[in-house]
PDB file of N, CA and C in Angstrom:
ATOM      1  N   UNK A   1    -165.160 -93.988  15.400  1.00  0.00           N
ATOM      2  CA  UNK A   1    -165.185 -93.159  14.228  1.00  0.00           C
ATOM      3  C   UNK A   1    -166.600 -92.666  13.947  1.00  0.00           C
ATOM      4  N   UNK A   2    -167.593 -93.498  14.289  1.00  0.00           N
ATOM      5  CA  UNK A   2    -168.981 -93.118  14.062  1.00  0.00           C
ATOM      6  C   UNK A   2    -169.370 -91.910  14.908  1.00  0.00           C
ATOM      7  N   UNK A   3    -168.874 -91.857  16.133  1.00  0.00           N
ATOM      8  CA  UNK A   3    -169.200 -90.729  17.010  1.00  0.00           C
ATOM      9  C   UNK A   3    -168.601 -89.430  16.487  1.00  0.00           C
ATOM     10  N   UNK A   4    -167.413 -89.504  15.932  1.00  0.00           N
ATOM     11  CA  UNK A   4    -166.777 -88.319  15.360  1.00  0.00           C
ATOM     12  C   UNK A   4    -167.585 -87.823  14.167  1.00  0.00           C
ATOM     13  N   UNK A   5    -168.047 -88.748  13.325  1.00  0.00           N
ATOM     14  CA  UNK A   5    -168.851 -88.368  12.171  1.00  0.00           C
ATOM     15  C   UNK A   5    -170.190 -87.795  12.614  1.00  0.00           C
ATOM     16  N   UNK A   6    -170.778 -88.352  13.653  1.00  0.00           N
ATOM     17  CA  UNK A   6    -172.056 -87.868  14.164  1.00  0.00           C
ATOM     18  C   UNK A   6    -171.944 -86.441  14.684  1.00  0.00           C
ATOM     19  N   UNK A   7    -170.894 -86.154  15.436  1.00  0.00           N
ATOM     20  CA  UNK A   7    -170.694 -84.796  15.957  1.00  0.00           C
ATOM     21  C   UNK A   7    -170.437 -83.826  14.812  1.00  0.00           C
ATOM     22  N   UNK A   8    -169.720 -84.262  13.788  1.00  0.00           N
ATOM     23  CA  UNK A   8    -169.384 -83.377  12.670  1.00  0.00           C
ATOM     24  C   UNK A   8    -170.595 -83.075  11.790  1.00  0.00           C
ATOM     25  N   UNK A   9    -171.453 -84.076  11.554  1.00  0.00           N
ATOM     26  CA  UNK A   9    -172.558 -83.884  10.619  1.00  0.00           C
ATOM     27  C   UNK A   9    -173.789 -83.254  11.256  1.00  0.00           C
ATOM     28  N   UNK A  10    -174.000 -83.430  12.521  1.00  0.00           N
ATOM     29  CA  UNK A  10    -175.195 -82.876  13.172  1.00  0.00           C
ATOM     30  C   UNK A  10    -174.850 -81.625  13.961  1.00  0.00           C
ATOM     31  N   UNK A  11    -174.552 -80.558  13.251  1.00  0.00           N
ATOM     32  CA  UNK A  11    -174.168 -79.308  13.901  1.00  0.00           C
ATOM     33  C   UNK A  11    -175.339 -78.649  14.618  1.00  0.00           C
ATOM     34  N   UNK A  12    -176.579 -78.960  14.233  1.00  0.00           N
ATOM     35  CA  UNK A  12    -177.722 -78.351  14.902  1.00  0.00           C
ATOM     36  C   UNK A  12    -177.891 -78.873  16.328  1.00  0.00           C
ATOM     37  N   UNK A  13    -177.593 -80.144  16.562  1.00  0.00           N
ATOM     38  CA  UNK A  13    -177.713 -80.707  17.913  1.00  0.00           C
ATOM     39  C   UNK A  13    -176.447 -80.545  18.738  1.00  0.00           C
ATOM     40  N   UNK A  14    -175.309 -80.608  18.087  1.00  0.00           N
ATOM     41  CA  UNK A  14    -174.025 -80.556  18.786  1.00  0.00           C
ATOM     42  C   UNK A  14    -173.350 -79.212  18.533  1.00  0.00           C
ATOM     43  N   UNK A  15    -173.996 -78.146  18.914  1.00  0.00           N
ATOM     44  CA  UNK A  15    -173.499 -76.808  18.628  1.00  0.00           C
ATOM     45  C   UNK A  15    -172.843 -76.142  19.829  1.00  0.00           C
ATOM     46  N   UNK A  16    -172.757 -76.818  20.954  1.00  0.00           N
ATOM     47  CA  UNK A  16    -172.152 -76.284  22.163  1.00  0.00           C
ATOM     48  C   UNK A  16    -170.631 -76.408  22.031  1.00  0.00           C
ATOM     49  N   UNK A  17    -169.876 -75.440  22.550  1.00  0.00           N
ATOM     50  CA  UNK A  17    -168.407 -75.483  22.377  1.00  0.00           C
ATOM     51  C   UNK A  17    -167.734 -76.760  22.885  1.00  0.00           C
ATOM     52  N   UNK A  18    -168.309 -77.414  23.886  1.00  0.00           N
ATOM     53  CA  UNK A  18    -167.671 -78.626  24.397  1.00  0.00           C
ATOM     54  C   UNK A  18    -167.652 -79.725  23.330  1.00  0.00           C
ATOM     55  N   UNK A  19    -168.616 -79.718  22.427  1.00  0.00           N
ATOM     56  CA  UNK A  19    -168.629 -80.731  21.375  1.00  0.00           C
ATOM     57  C   UNK A  19    -167.531 -80.489  20.345  1.00  0.00           C
ATOM     58  N   UNK A  20    -167.104 -79.244  20.171  1.00  0.00           N
ATOM     59  CA  UNK A  20    -165.936 -79.003  19.318  1.00  0.00           C
ATOM     60  C   UNK A  20    -164.700 -79.650  19.925  1.00  0.00           C
ATOM     61  N   UNK A  21    -164.567 -79.528  21.226  1.00  0.00           N
ATOM     62  CA  UNK A  21    -163.435 -80.174  21.895  1.00  0.00           C
ATOM     63  C   UNK A  21    -163.537 -81.688  21.804  1.00  0.00           C
ATOM     64  N   UNK A  22    -164.739 -82.224  21.960  1.00  0.00           N
ATOM     65  CA  UNK A  22    -164.915 -83.677  21.857  1.00  0.00           C
ATOM     66  C   UNK A  22    -164.629 -84.172  20.437  1.00  0.00           C
ATOM     67  N   UNK A  23    -164.983 -83.367  19.441  1.00  0.00           N
ATOM     68  CA  UNK A  23    -164.688 -83.736  18.059  1.00  0.00           C
ATOM     69  C   UNK A  23    -163.179 -83.831  17.839  1.00  0.00           C
ATOM     70  N   UNK A  24    -162.442 -82.828  18.306  1.00  0.00           N
ATOM     71  CA  UNK A  24    -160.986 -82.849  18.143  1.00  0.00           C
ATOM     72  C   UNK A  24    -160.352 -83.972  18.971  1.00  0.00           C
ATOM     73  N   UNK A  25    -160.934 -84.257  20.114  1.00  0.00           N
ATOM     74  CA  UNK A  25    -160.433 -85.367  20.928  1.00  0.00           C
ATOM     75  C   UNK A  25    -160.663 -86.705  20.213  1.00  0.00           C
ATOM     76  N   UNK A  26    -161.807 -86.836  19.537  1.00  0.00           N
ATOM     77  CA  UNK A  26    -162.082 -88.044  18.768  1.00  0.00           C
ATOM     78  C   UNK A  26    -161.147 -88.206  17.590  1.00  0.00           C
ATOM     79  N   UNK A  27    -160.842 -87.105  16.900  1.00  0.00           N
ATOM     80  CA  UNK A  27    -159.859 -87.169  15.815  1.00  0.00           C
ATOM     81  C   UNK A  27    -158.494 -87.592  16.347  1.00  0.00           C
ATOM     82  N   UNK A  28    -158.152 -87.070  17.499  1.00  0.00           N
ATOM     83  CA  UNK A  28    -156.890 -87.428  18.142  1.00  0.00           C
ATOM     84  C   UNK A  28    -156.853 -88.926  18.432  1.00  0.00           C
ATOM     85  N   UNK A  29    -157.950 -89.466  18.950  1.00  0.00           N
ATOM     86  CA  UNK A  29    -158.024 -90.905  19.225  1.00  0.00           C
ATOM     87  C   UNK A  29    -157.878 -91.729  17.953  1.00  0.00           C
ATOM     88  N   UNK A  30    -158.528 -91.289  16.875  1.00  0.00           N
ATOM     89  CA  UNK A  30    -158.447 -92.030  15.611  1.00  0.00           C
ATOM     90  C   UNK A  30    -157.021 -92.035  15.058  1.00  0.00           C
ATOM     91  N   UNK A  31    -156.335 -90.908  15.171  1.00  0.00           N
ATOM     92  CA  UNK A  31    -154.946 -90.860  14.696  1.00  0.00           C
ATOM     93  C   UNK A  31    -154.035 -91.754  15.542  1.00  0.00           C
ATOM     94  N   UNK A  32    -154.249 -91.760  16.858  1.00  0.00           N
ATOM     95  CA  UNK A  32    -153.461 -92.651  17.714  1.00  0.00           C
ATOM     96  C   UNK A  32    -153.707 -94.106  17.343  1.00  0.00           C
ATOM     97  N   UNK A  33    -154.966 -94.444  17.103  1.00  0.00           N
ATOM     98  CA  UNK A  33    -155.298 -95.816  16.736  1.00  0.00           C
ATOM     99  C   UNK A  33    -154.652 -96.209  15.416  1.00  0.00           C
ATOM    100  N   UNK A  34    -154.630 -95.288  14.471  1.00  0.00           N
ATOM    101  CA  UNK A  34    -154.010 -95.564  13.174  1.00  0.00           C
ATOM    102  C   UNK A  34    -152.511 -95.830  13.323  1.00  0.00           C
ATOM    103  N   UNK A  35    -151.838 -95.001  14.103  1.00  0.00           N
ATOM    104  CA  UNK A  35    -150.398 -95.171  14.286  1.00  0.00           C
ATOM    105  C   UNK A  35    -150.096 -96.467  15.040  1.00  0.00           C
ATOM    106  N   UNK A  36    -150.881 -96.765  16.067  1.00  0.00           N
ATOM    107  CA  UNK A  36    -150.637 -97.992  16.828  1.00  0.00           C
ATOM    108  C   UNK A  36    -150.995 -99.240  16.029  1.00  0.00           C
ATOM    109  N   UNK A  37    -151.946 -99.127  15.107  1.00  0.00           N
ATOM    110  CA  UNK A  37    -152.272-100.292  14.283  1.00  0.00           C
ATOM    111  C   UNK A  37    -151.145-100.596  13.285  1.00  0.00           C
ATOM    112  N   UNK A  38    -150.416 -99.575  12.836  1.00  0.00           N
ATOM    113  CA  UNK A  38    -149.246 -99.814  11.982  1.00  0.00           C
ATOM    114  C   UNK A  38    -148.215-100.640  12.749  1.00  0.00           C
ATOM    115  N   UNK A  39    -147.966-100.247  13.995  1.00  0.00           N
ATOM    116  CA  UNK A  39    -147.027-101.009  14.817  1.00  0.00           C
ATOM    117  C   UNK A  39    -147.512-102.415  15.108  1.00  0.00           C
ATOM    118  N   UNK A  40    -148.801-102.553  15.369  1.00  0.00           N
ATOM    119  CA  UNK A  40    -149.362-103.882  15.620  1.00  0.00           C
ATOM    120  C   UNK A  40    -149.276-104.786  14.406  1.00  0.00           C
ATOM    121  N   UNK A  41    -149.527-104.228  13.232  1.00  0.00           N
ATOM    122  CA  UNK A  41    -149.404-104.995  11.999  1.00  0.00           C
ATOM    123  C   UNK A  41    -147.969-105.459  11.785  1.00  0.00           C
ATOM    124  N   UNK A  42    -147.015-104.571  12.057  1.00  0.00           N
ATOM    125  CA  UNK A  42    -145.597-104.944  11.894  1.00  0.00           C
ATOM    126  C   UNK A  42    -145.184-106.030  12.878  1.00  0.00           C
ATOM    127  N   UNK A  43    -145.727-105.996  14.090  1.00  0.00           N
ATOM    128  CA  UNK A  43    -145.419-107.033  15.075  1.00  0.00           C
ATOM    129  C   UNK A  43    -145.990-108.374  14.623  1.00  0.00           C
ATOM    130  N   UNK A  44    -147.235-108.364  14.141  1.00  0.00           N
ATOM    131  CA  UNK A  44    -147.844-109.619  13.707  1.00  0.00           C
ATOM    132  C   UNK A  44    -147.134-110.216  12.500  1.00  0.00           C
ATOM    133  N   UNK A  45    -146.657-109.378  11.617  1.00  0.00           N
ATOM    134  CA  UNK A  45    -145.949-109.856  10.425  1.00  0.00           C
ATOM    135  C   UNK A  45    -144.454-110.034  10.657  1.00  0.00           C
ATOM    136  N   UNK A  46    -143.996-109.735  11.854  1.00  0.00           N
ATOM    137  CA  UNK A  46    -142.585-109.816  12.229  1.00  0.00           C
ATOM    138  C   UNK A  46    -141.712-109.051  11.236  1.00  0.00           C
ATOM    139  N   UNK A  47    -142.129-107.808  10.998  1.00  0.00           N
ATOM    140  CA  UNK A  47    -141.430-106.926  10.076  1.00  0.00           C
ATOM    141  C   UNK A  47    -140.935-105.722  10.861  1.00  0.00           C
ATOM    142  N   UNK A  48    -139.684-105.357  10.645  1.00  0.00           N
ATOM    143  CA  UNK A  48    -139.127-104.195  11.333  1.00  0.00           C
ATOM    144  C   UNK A  48    -139.106-103.002  10.404  1.00  0.00           C
ATOM    145  N   UNK A  49    -139.703-101.915  10.879  1.00  0.00           N
ATOM    146  CA  UNK A  49    -139.637-100.663  10.128  1.00  0.00           C
ATOM    147  C   UNK A  49    -138.264-100.035  10.322  1.00  0.00           C
ATOM    148  N   UNK A  50    -137.822 -99.215   9.408  1.00  0.00           N
ATOM    149  CA  UNK A  50    -136.542 -98.510   9.604  1.00  0.00           C
ATOM    150  C   UNK A  50    -136.597 -97.627  10.864  1.00  0.00           C
ATOM    151  N   UNK A  51    -135.432 -97.364  11.406  1.00  0.00           N
ATOM    152  CA  UNK A  51    -135.363 -96.609  12.653  1.00  0.00           C
ATOM    153  C   UNK A  51    -135.992 -95.228  12.546  1.00  0.00           C
ATOM    154  N   UNK A  52    -135.757 -94.530  11.443  1.00  0.00           N
ATOM    155  CA  UNK A  52    -136.292 -93.172  11.329  1.00  0.00           C
ATOM    156  C   UNK A  52    -137.825 -93.192  11.266  1.00  0.00           C
ATOM    157  N   UNK A  53    -138.416 -94.245  10.672  1.00  0.00           N
ATOM    158  CA  UNK A  53    -139.881 -94.352  10.628  1.00  0.00           C
ATOM    159  C   UNK A  53    -140.415 -94.618  12.027  1.00  0.00           C
ATOM    160  N   UNK A  54    -139.740 -95.487  12.775  1.00  0.00           N
ATOM    161  CA  UNK A  54    -140.143 -95.748  14.162  1.00  0.00           C
ATOM    162  C   UNK A  54    -140.081 -94.481  15.006  1.00  0.00           C
ATOM    163  N   UNK A  55    -139.033 -93.698  14.821  1.00  0.00           N
ATOM    164  CA  UNK A  55    -138.893 -92.465  15.604  1.00  0.00           C
ATOM    165  C   UNK A  55    -139.963 -91.446  15.232  1.00  0.00           C
ATOM    166  N   UNK A  56    -140.272 -91.331  13.950  1.00  0.00           N
ATOM    167  CA  UNK A  56    -141.308 -90.387  13.512  1.00  0.00           C
ATOM    168  C   UNK A  56    -142.673 -90.812  14.036  1.00  0.00           C
ATOM    169  N   UNK A  57    -143.010 -92.088  13.876  1.00  0.00           N
ATOM    170  CA  UNK A  57    -144.305 -92.570  14.359  1.00  0.00           C
ATOM    171  C   UNK A  57    -144.399 -92.500  15.880  1.00  0.00           C
ATOM    172  N   UNK A  58    -143.315 -92.825  16.571  1.00  0.00           N
ATOM    173  CA  UNK A  58    -143.312 -92.740  18.028  1.00  0.00           C
ATOM    174  C   UNK A  58    -143.451 -91.314  18.528  1.00  0.00           C
ATOM    175  N   UNK A  59    -142.752 -90.383  17.872  1.00  0.00           N
ATOM    176  CA  UNK A  59    -142.864 -88.980  18.270  1.00  0.00           C
ATOM    177  C   UNK A  59    -144.250 -88.421  18.006  1.00  0.00           C
ATOM    178  N   UNK A  60    -144.831 -88.799  16.868  1.00  0.00           N
ATOM    179  CA  UNK A  60    -146.185 -88.346  16.550  1.00  0.00           C
ATOM    180  C   UNK A  60    -147.199 -88.923  17.533  1.00  0.00           C
ATOM    181  N   UNK A  61    -147.036 -90.192  17.856  1.00  0.00           N
ATOM    182  CA  UNK A  61    -147.945 -90.821  18.813  1.00  0.00           C
ATOM    183  C   UNK A  61    -147.806 -90.198  20.202  1.00  0.00           C
ATOM    184  N   UNK A  62    -146.599 -89.882  20.598  1.00  0.00           N
ATOM    185  CA  UNK A  62    -146.370 -89.250  21.892  1.00  0.00           C
ATOM    186  C   UNK A  62    -146.982 -87.852  21.943  1.00  0.00           C
ATOM    187  N   UNK A  63    -146.838 -87.097  20.861  1.00  0.00           N
ATOM    188  CA  UNK A  63    -147.435 -85.759  20.841  1.00  0.00           C
ATOM    189  C   UNK A  63    -148.957 -85.837  20.826  1.00  0.00           C
ATOM    190  N   UNK A  64    -149.514 -86.832  20.149  1.00  0.00           N
ATOM    191  CA  UNK A  64    -150.962 -87.019  20.179  1.00  0.00           C
ATOM    192  C   UNK A  64    -151.448 -87.378  21.571  1.00  0.00           C
ATOM    193  N   UNK A  65    -150.661 -88.175  22.285  1.00  0.00           N
ATOM    194  CA  UNK A  65    -151.032 -88.536  23.656  1.00  0.00           C
ATOM    195  C   UNK A  65    -151.049 -87.308  24.558  1.00  0.00           C
ATOM    196  N   UNK A  66    -150.037 -86.470  24.459  1.00  0.00           N
ATOM    197  CA  UNK A  66    -150.001 -85.280  25.311  1.00  0.00           C
ATOM    198  C   UNK A  66    -151.082 -84.276  24.938  1.00  0.00           C
ATOM    199  N   UNK A  67    -151.405 -84.161  23.659  1.00  0.00           N
ATOM    200  CA  UNK A  67    -152.502 -83.267  23.289  1.00  0.00           C
ATOM    201  C   UNK A  67    -153.839 -83.826  23.770  1.00  0.00           C
ATOM    202  N   UNK A  68    -153.991 -85.154  23.786  1.00  0.00           N
ATOM    203  CA  UNK A  68    -155.206 -85.763  24.316  1.00  0.00           C
ATOM    204  C   UNK A  68    -155.347 -85.452  25.803  1.00  0.00           C
ATOM    205  N   UNK A  69    -154.247 -85.497  26.531  1.00  0.00           N
ATOM    206  CA  UNK A  69    -154.281 -85.156  27.961  1.00  0.00           C
ATOM    207  C   UNK A  69    -154.709 -83.703  28.152  1.00  0.00           C
ATOM    208  N   UNK A  70    -154.206 -82.795  27.305  1.00  0.00           N
ATOM    209  CA  UNK A  70    -154.605 -81.392  27.394  1.00  0.00           C
ATOM    210  C   UNK A  70    -156.094 -81.230  27.103  1.00  0.00           C
ATOM    211  N   UNK A  71    -156.602 -81.945  26.098  1.00  0.00           N
ATOM    212  CA  UNK A  71    -158.035 -81.890  25.805  1.00  0.00           C
ATOM    213  C   UNK A  71    -158.856 -82.419  26.978  1.00  0.00           C
ATOM    214  N   UNK A  72    -158.413 -83.509  27.592  1.00  0.00           N
ATOM    215  CA  UNK A  72    -159.188 -84.080  28.696  1.00  0.00           C
ATOM    216  C   UNK A  72    -159.194 -83.153  29.908  1.00  0.00           C
ATOM    217  N   UNK A  73    -158.069 -82.490  30.193  1.00  0.00           N
ATOM    218  CA  UNK A  73    -158.065 -81.504  31.280  1.00  0.00           C
ATOM    219  C   UNK A  73    -158.986 -80.331  30.969  1.00  0.00           C
ATOM    220  N   UNK A  74    -158.980 -79.899  29.722  1.00  0.00           N
ATOM    221  CA  UNK A  74    -159.836 -78.782  29.330  1.00  0.00           C
ATOM    222  C   UNK A  74    -161.310 -79.153  29.449  1.00  0.00           C
ATOM    223  N   UNK A  75    -161.661 -80.360  29.040  1.00  0.00           N
ATOM    224  CA  UNK A  75    -163.056 -80.785  29.146  1.00  0.00           C
ATOM    225  C   UNK A  75    -163.458 -80.970  30.604  1.00  0.00           C
ATOM    226  N   UNK A  76    -162.562 -81.486  31.435  1.00  0.00           N
ATOM    227  CA  UNK A  76    -162.907 -81.636  32.849  1.00  0.00           C
ATOM    228  C   UNK A  76    -163.079 -80.272  33.520  1.00  0.00           C
ATOM    229  N   UNK A  77    -162.260 -79.294  33.147  1.00  0.00           N
ATOM    230  CA  UNK A  77    -162.451 -77.939  33.668  1.00  0.00           C
ATOM    231  C   UNK A  77    -163.757 -77.349  33.150  1.00  0.00           C
ATOM    232  N   UNK A  78    -164.091 -77.624  31.906  1.00  0.00           N
ATOM    233  CA  UNK A  78    -165.347 -77.173  31.328  1.00  0.00           C
ATOM    234  C   UNK A  78    -166.532 -77.708  32.118  1.00  0.00           C
ATOM    235  N   UNK A  79    -166.535 -79.004  32.396  1.00  0.00           N
ATOM    236  CA  UNK A  79    -167.648 -79.602  33.147  1.00  0.00           C
ATOM    237  C   UNK A  79    -167.689 -79.085  34.583  1.00  0.00           C
ATOM    238  N   UNK A  80    -166.526 -78.882  35.185  1.00  0.00           N
ATOM    239  CA  UNK A  80    -166.466 -78.343  36.546  1.00  0.00           C
ATOM    240  C   UNK A  80    -167.101 -76.955  36.603  1.00  0.00           C
ATOM    241  N   UNK A  81    -166.740 -76.104  35.648  1.00  0.00           N
ATOM    242  CA  UNK A  81    -167.323 -74.761  35.617  1.00  0.00           C
ATOM    243  C   UNK A  81    -168.808 -74.803  35.304  1.00  0.00           C
ATOM    244  N   UNK A  82    -169.226 -75.704  34.432  1.00  0.00           N
ATOM    245  CA  UNK A  82    -170.639 -75.774  34.052  1.00  0.00           C
ATOM    246  C   UNK A  82    -171.521 -76.182  35.229  1.00  0.00           C
ATOM    247  N   UNK A  83    -171.025 -77.072  36.084  1.00  0.00           N
ATOM    248  CA  UNK A  83    -171.860 -77.549  37.179  1.00  0.00           C
ATOM    249  C   UNK A  83    -171.655 -76.782  38.475  1.00  0.00           C
ATOM    250  N   UNK A  84    -170.437 -76.338  38.751  1.00  0.00           N
ATOM    251  CA  UNK A  84    -170.164 -75.693  40.037  1.00  0.00           C
ATOM    252  C   UNK A  84    -170.225 -74.169  39.971  1.00  0.00           C
ATOM    253  N   UNK A  85    -169.799 -73.592  38.862  1.00  0.00           N
ATOM    254  CA  UNK A  85    -169.775 -72.142  38.707  1.00  0.00           C
ATOM    255  C   UNK A  85    -170.391 -71.750  37.363  1.00  0.00           C
ATOM    256  N   UNK A  86    -171.705 -71.898  37.205  1.00  0.00           N
ATOM    257  CA  UNK A  86    -172.304 -71.619  35.890  1.00  0.00           C
ATOM    258  C   UNK A  86    -172.201 -70.161  35.464  1.00  0.00           C
ATOM    259  N   UNK A  87    -172.053 -69.240  36.421  1.00  0.00           N
ATOM    260  CA  UNK A  87    -171.929 -67.829  36.047  1.00  0.00           C
ATOM    261  C   UNK A  87    -170.572 -67.523  35.402  1.00  0.00           C
ATOM    262  N   UNK A  88    -169.557 -68.350  35.630  1.00  0.00           N
ATOM    263  CA  UNK A  88    -168.247 -68.171  35.001  1.00  0.00           C
ATOM    264  C   UNK A  88    -168.089 -68.954  33.699  1.00  0.00           C
ATOM    265  N   UNK A  89    -169.030 -69.843  33.431  1.00  0.00           N
ATOM    266  CA  UNK A  89    -168.892 -70.756  32.291  1.00  0.00           C
ATOM    267  C   UNK A  89    -168.841 -70.015  30.955  1.00  0.00           C
ATOM    268  N   UNK A  90    -169.734 -69.077  30.744  1.00  0.00           N
ATOM    269  CA  UNK A  90    -169.772 -68.372  29.455  1.00  0.00           C
ATOM    270  C   UNK A  90    -168.538 -67.511  29.228  1.00  0.00           C
ATOM    271  N   UNK A  91    -167.943 -67.010  30.292  1.00  0.00           N
ATOM    272  CA  UNK A  91    -166.729 -66.208  30.135  1.00  0.00           C
ATOM    273  C   UNK A  91    -165.531 -67.062  29.750  1.00  0.00           C
ATOM    274  N   UNK A  92    -165.470 -68.279  30.254  1.00  0.00           N
ATOM    275  CA  UNK A  92    -164.304 -69.138  30.013  1.00  0.00           C
ATOM    276  C   UNK A  92    -164.435 -69.978  28.749  1.00  0.00           C
ATOM    277  N   UNK A  93    -165.648 -70.397  28.395  1.00  0.00           N
ATOM    278  CA  UNK A  93    -165.839 -71.314  27.272  1.00  0.00           C
ATOM    279  C   UNK A  93    -166.862 -70.776  26.281  1.00  0.00           C
ATOM    280  N   UNK A  94    -166.538 -69.722  25.616  1.00  0.00           N
ATOM    281  CA  UNK A  94    -167.378 -69.226  24.541  1.00  0.00           C
ATOM    282  C   UNK A  94    -166.842 -69.770  23.219  1.00  0.00           C
ATOM    283  N   UNK A  95    -167.661 -69.720  22.186  1.00  0.00           N
ATOM    284  CA  UNK A  95    -167.203 -70.200  20.870  1.00  0.00           C
ATOM    285  C   UNK A  95    -166.022 -69.381  20.364  1.00  0.00           C
ATOM    286  N   UNK A  96    -166.040 -68.094  20.630  1.00  0.00           N
ATOM    287  CA  UNK A  96    -164.962 -67.218  20.158  1.00  0.00           C
ATOM    288  C   UNK A  96    -163.639 -67.588  20.826  1.00  0.00           C
ATOM    289  N   UNK A  97    -163.655 -67.822  22.136  1.00  0.00           N
ATOM    290  CA  UNK A  97    -162.413 -68.160  22.842  1.00  0.00           C
ATOM    291  C   UNK A  97    -161.875 -69.524  22.410  1.00  0.00           C
ATOM    292  N   UNK A  98    -162.752 -70.461  22.167  1.00  0.00           N
ATOM    293  CA  UNK A  98    -162.285 -71.785  21.735  1.00  0.00           C
ATOM    294  C   UNK A  98    -161.745 -71.748  20.297  1.00  0.00           C
ATOM    295  N   UNK A  99    -162.308 -70.931  19.444  1.00  0.00           N
ATOM    296  CA  UNK A  99    -161.786 -70.802  18.075  1.00  0.00           C
ATOM    297  C   UNK A  99    -160.394 -70.186  18.096  1.00  0.00           C
ATOM    298  N   UNK A 100    -160.152 -69.252  18.986  1.00  0.00           N
ATOM    299  CA  UNK A 100    -158.833 -68.625  19.091  1.00  0.00           C
ATOM    300  C   UNK A 100    -157.807 -69.632  19.601  1.00  0.00           C
ATOM    301  N   UNK A 101    -158.223 -70.520  20.501  1.00  0.00           N
ATOM    302  CA  UNK A 101    -157.269 -71.462  21.091  1.00  0.00           C
ATOM    303  C   UNK A 101    -156.871 -72.567  20.128  1.00  0.00           C
ATOM    304  N   UNK A 102    -157.681 -72.865  19.117  1.00  0.00           N
ATOM    305  CA  UNK A 102    -157.301 -73.898  18.148  1.00  0.00           C
ATOM    306  C   UNK A 102    -156.391 -73.294  17.135  1.00  0.00           C
TER     307      UNK A 102
END
Protein backbone atom coordinates (compact mmCIF):
# COMPACT_ATOMS: atom_id res chain seq x y z
CA UNK A 1 0.00 0.00 0.00
CA UNK A 2 2.94 2.30 0.70
CA UNK A 3 4.22 1.95 -2.86
CA UNK A 4 0.82 2.88 -4.28
CA UNK A 5 0.72 5.98 -2.08
CA UNK A 6 4.28 6.88 -3.07
CA UNK A 7 3.50 6.69 -6.80
CA UNK A 8 0.31 8.72 -6.30
CA UNK A 9 1.83 11.51 -4.19
CA UNK A 10 5.13 12.02 -6.01
CA UNK A 11 3.92 12.94 -9.47
CA UNK A 12 7.11 14.90 -10.21
CA UNK A 13 9.30 11.77 -10.02
CA UNK A 14 6.80 9.21 -11.26
CA UNK A 15 5.45 11.05 -14.28
CA UNK A 16 6.22 8.42 -16.94
CA UNK A 17 3.16 6.57 -18.33
CA UNK A 18 4.39 3.20 -17.07
CA UNK A 19 3.95 4.44 -13.50
CA UNK A 20 0.27 5.09 -14.18
CA UNK A 21 -0.04 1.44 -15.11
CA UNK A 22 1.90 0.40 -12.02
CA UNK A 23 -0.38 2.54 -9.85
CA UNK A 24 -3.49 0.85 -11.24
CA UNK A 25 -1.83 -2.54 -10.88
CA UNK A 26 -1.11 -1.74 -7.22
CA UNK A 27 -4.72 -0.75 -6.63
CA UNK A 28 -5.75 -4.01 -8.24
CA UNK A 29 -3.46 -5.92 -5.86
CA UNK A 30 -4.88 -4.09 -2.83
CA UNK A 31 -8.46 -4.91 -3.84
CA UNK A 32 -7.57 -8.58 -4.36
CA UNK A 33 -5.93 -8.66 -0.94
CA UNK A 34 -9.00 -7.10 0.66
CA UNK A 35 -11.36 -9.63 -0.90
CA UNK A 36 -9.13 -12.59 -0.02
CA UNK A 37 -8.72 -11.36 3.55
CA UNK A 38 -12.53 -11.44 3.96
CA UNK A 39 -12.46 -15.09 2.94
CA UNK A 40 -9.51 -15.81 5.20
CA UNK A 41 -11.23 -14.19 8.15
CA UNK A 42 -14.35 -16.29 7.53
CA UNK A 43 -12.26 -19.47 7.38
CA UNK A 44 -10.50 -18.66 10.65
CA UNK A 45 -13.79 -17.88 12.38
CA UNK A 46 -15.49 -20.89 10.76
CA UNK A 47 -18.26 -18.66 9.46
CA UNK A 48 -20.01 -19.25 6.16
CA UNK A 49 -21.06 -16.29 4.08
CA UNK A 50 -24.32 -16.58 2.12
CA UNK A 51 -23.99 -18.07 -1.34
CA UNK A 52 -24.75 -14.85 -3.21
CA UNK A 53 -22.00 -13.00 -1.25
CA UNK A 54 -19.52 -15.77 -2.09
CA UNK A 55 -20.45 -15.56 -5.76
CA UNK A 56 -20.14 -11.77 -5.85
CA UNK A 57 -16.78 -11.75 -4.06
CA UNK A 58 -15.50 -14.65 -6.17
CA UNK A 59 -16.57 -13.00 -9.42
CA UNK A 60 -15.00 -9.69 -8.39
CA UNK A 61 -11.78 -11.41 -7.39
CA UNK A 62 -11.69 -13.33 -10.66
CA UNK A 63 -12.20 -10.17 -12.70
CA UNK A 64 -9.46 -8.43 -10.72
CA UNK A 65 -7.13 -11.34 -11.45
CA UNK A 66 -7.77 -11.15 -15.19
CA UNK A 67 -7.34 -7.38 -15.25
CA UNK A 68 -4.04 -7.82 -13.36
CA UNK A 69 -2.89 -10.24 -16.07
CA UNK A 70 -3.79 -7.65 -18.73
CA UNK A 71 -1.82 -4.98 -16.85
CA UNK A 72 1.20 -7.28 -16.53
CA UNK A 73 1.16 -8.08 -20.26
CA UNK A 74 0.89 -4.39 -21.06
CA UNK A 75 3.82 -3.52 -18.79
CA UNK A 76 5.94 -6.33 -20.23
CA UNK A 77 5.21 -5.06 -23.75
CA UNK A 78 6.06 -1.56 -22.56
CA UNK A 79 9.45 -2.67 -21.24
CA UNK A 80 10.11 -4.73 -24.39
CA UNK A 81 9.48 -1.71 -26.60
CA UNK A 82 11.49 0.59 -24.34
CA UNK A 83 14.61 -1.58 -24.48
CA UNK A 84 14.42 -3.28 -27.88
CA UNK A 85 12.58 -0.75 -30.05
CA UNK A 86 12.92 2.71 -28.45
CA UNK A 87 11.86 4.47 -31.66
CA UNK A 88 8.41 2.81 -31.41
CA UNK A 89 8.00 3.41 -27.68
CA UNK A 90 6.59 6.94 -27.85
CA UNK A 91 4.05 5.97 -30.49
CA UNK A 92 2.69 3.04 -28.47
CA UNK A 93 2.89 4.40 -24.90
CA UNK A 94 2.14 8.09 -24.78
CA UNK A 95 0.18 9.69 -21.94
CA UNK A 96 -2.68 10.47 -24.32
CA UNK A 97 -3.02 6.86 -25.51
CA UNK A 98 -2.93 5.47 -21.98
CA UNK A 99 -5.58 7.95 -20.78
CA UNK A 100 -7.87 6.83 -23.61
CA UNK A 101 -7.38 3.16 -22.72
CA UNK A 102 -8.44 3.63 -19.08
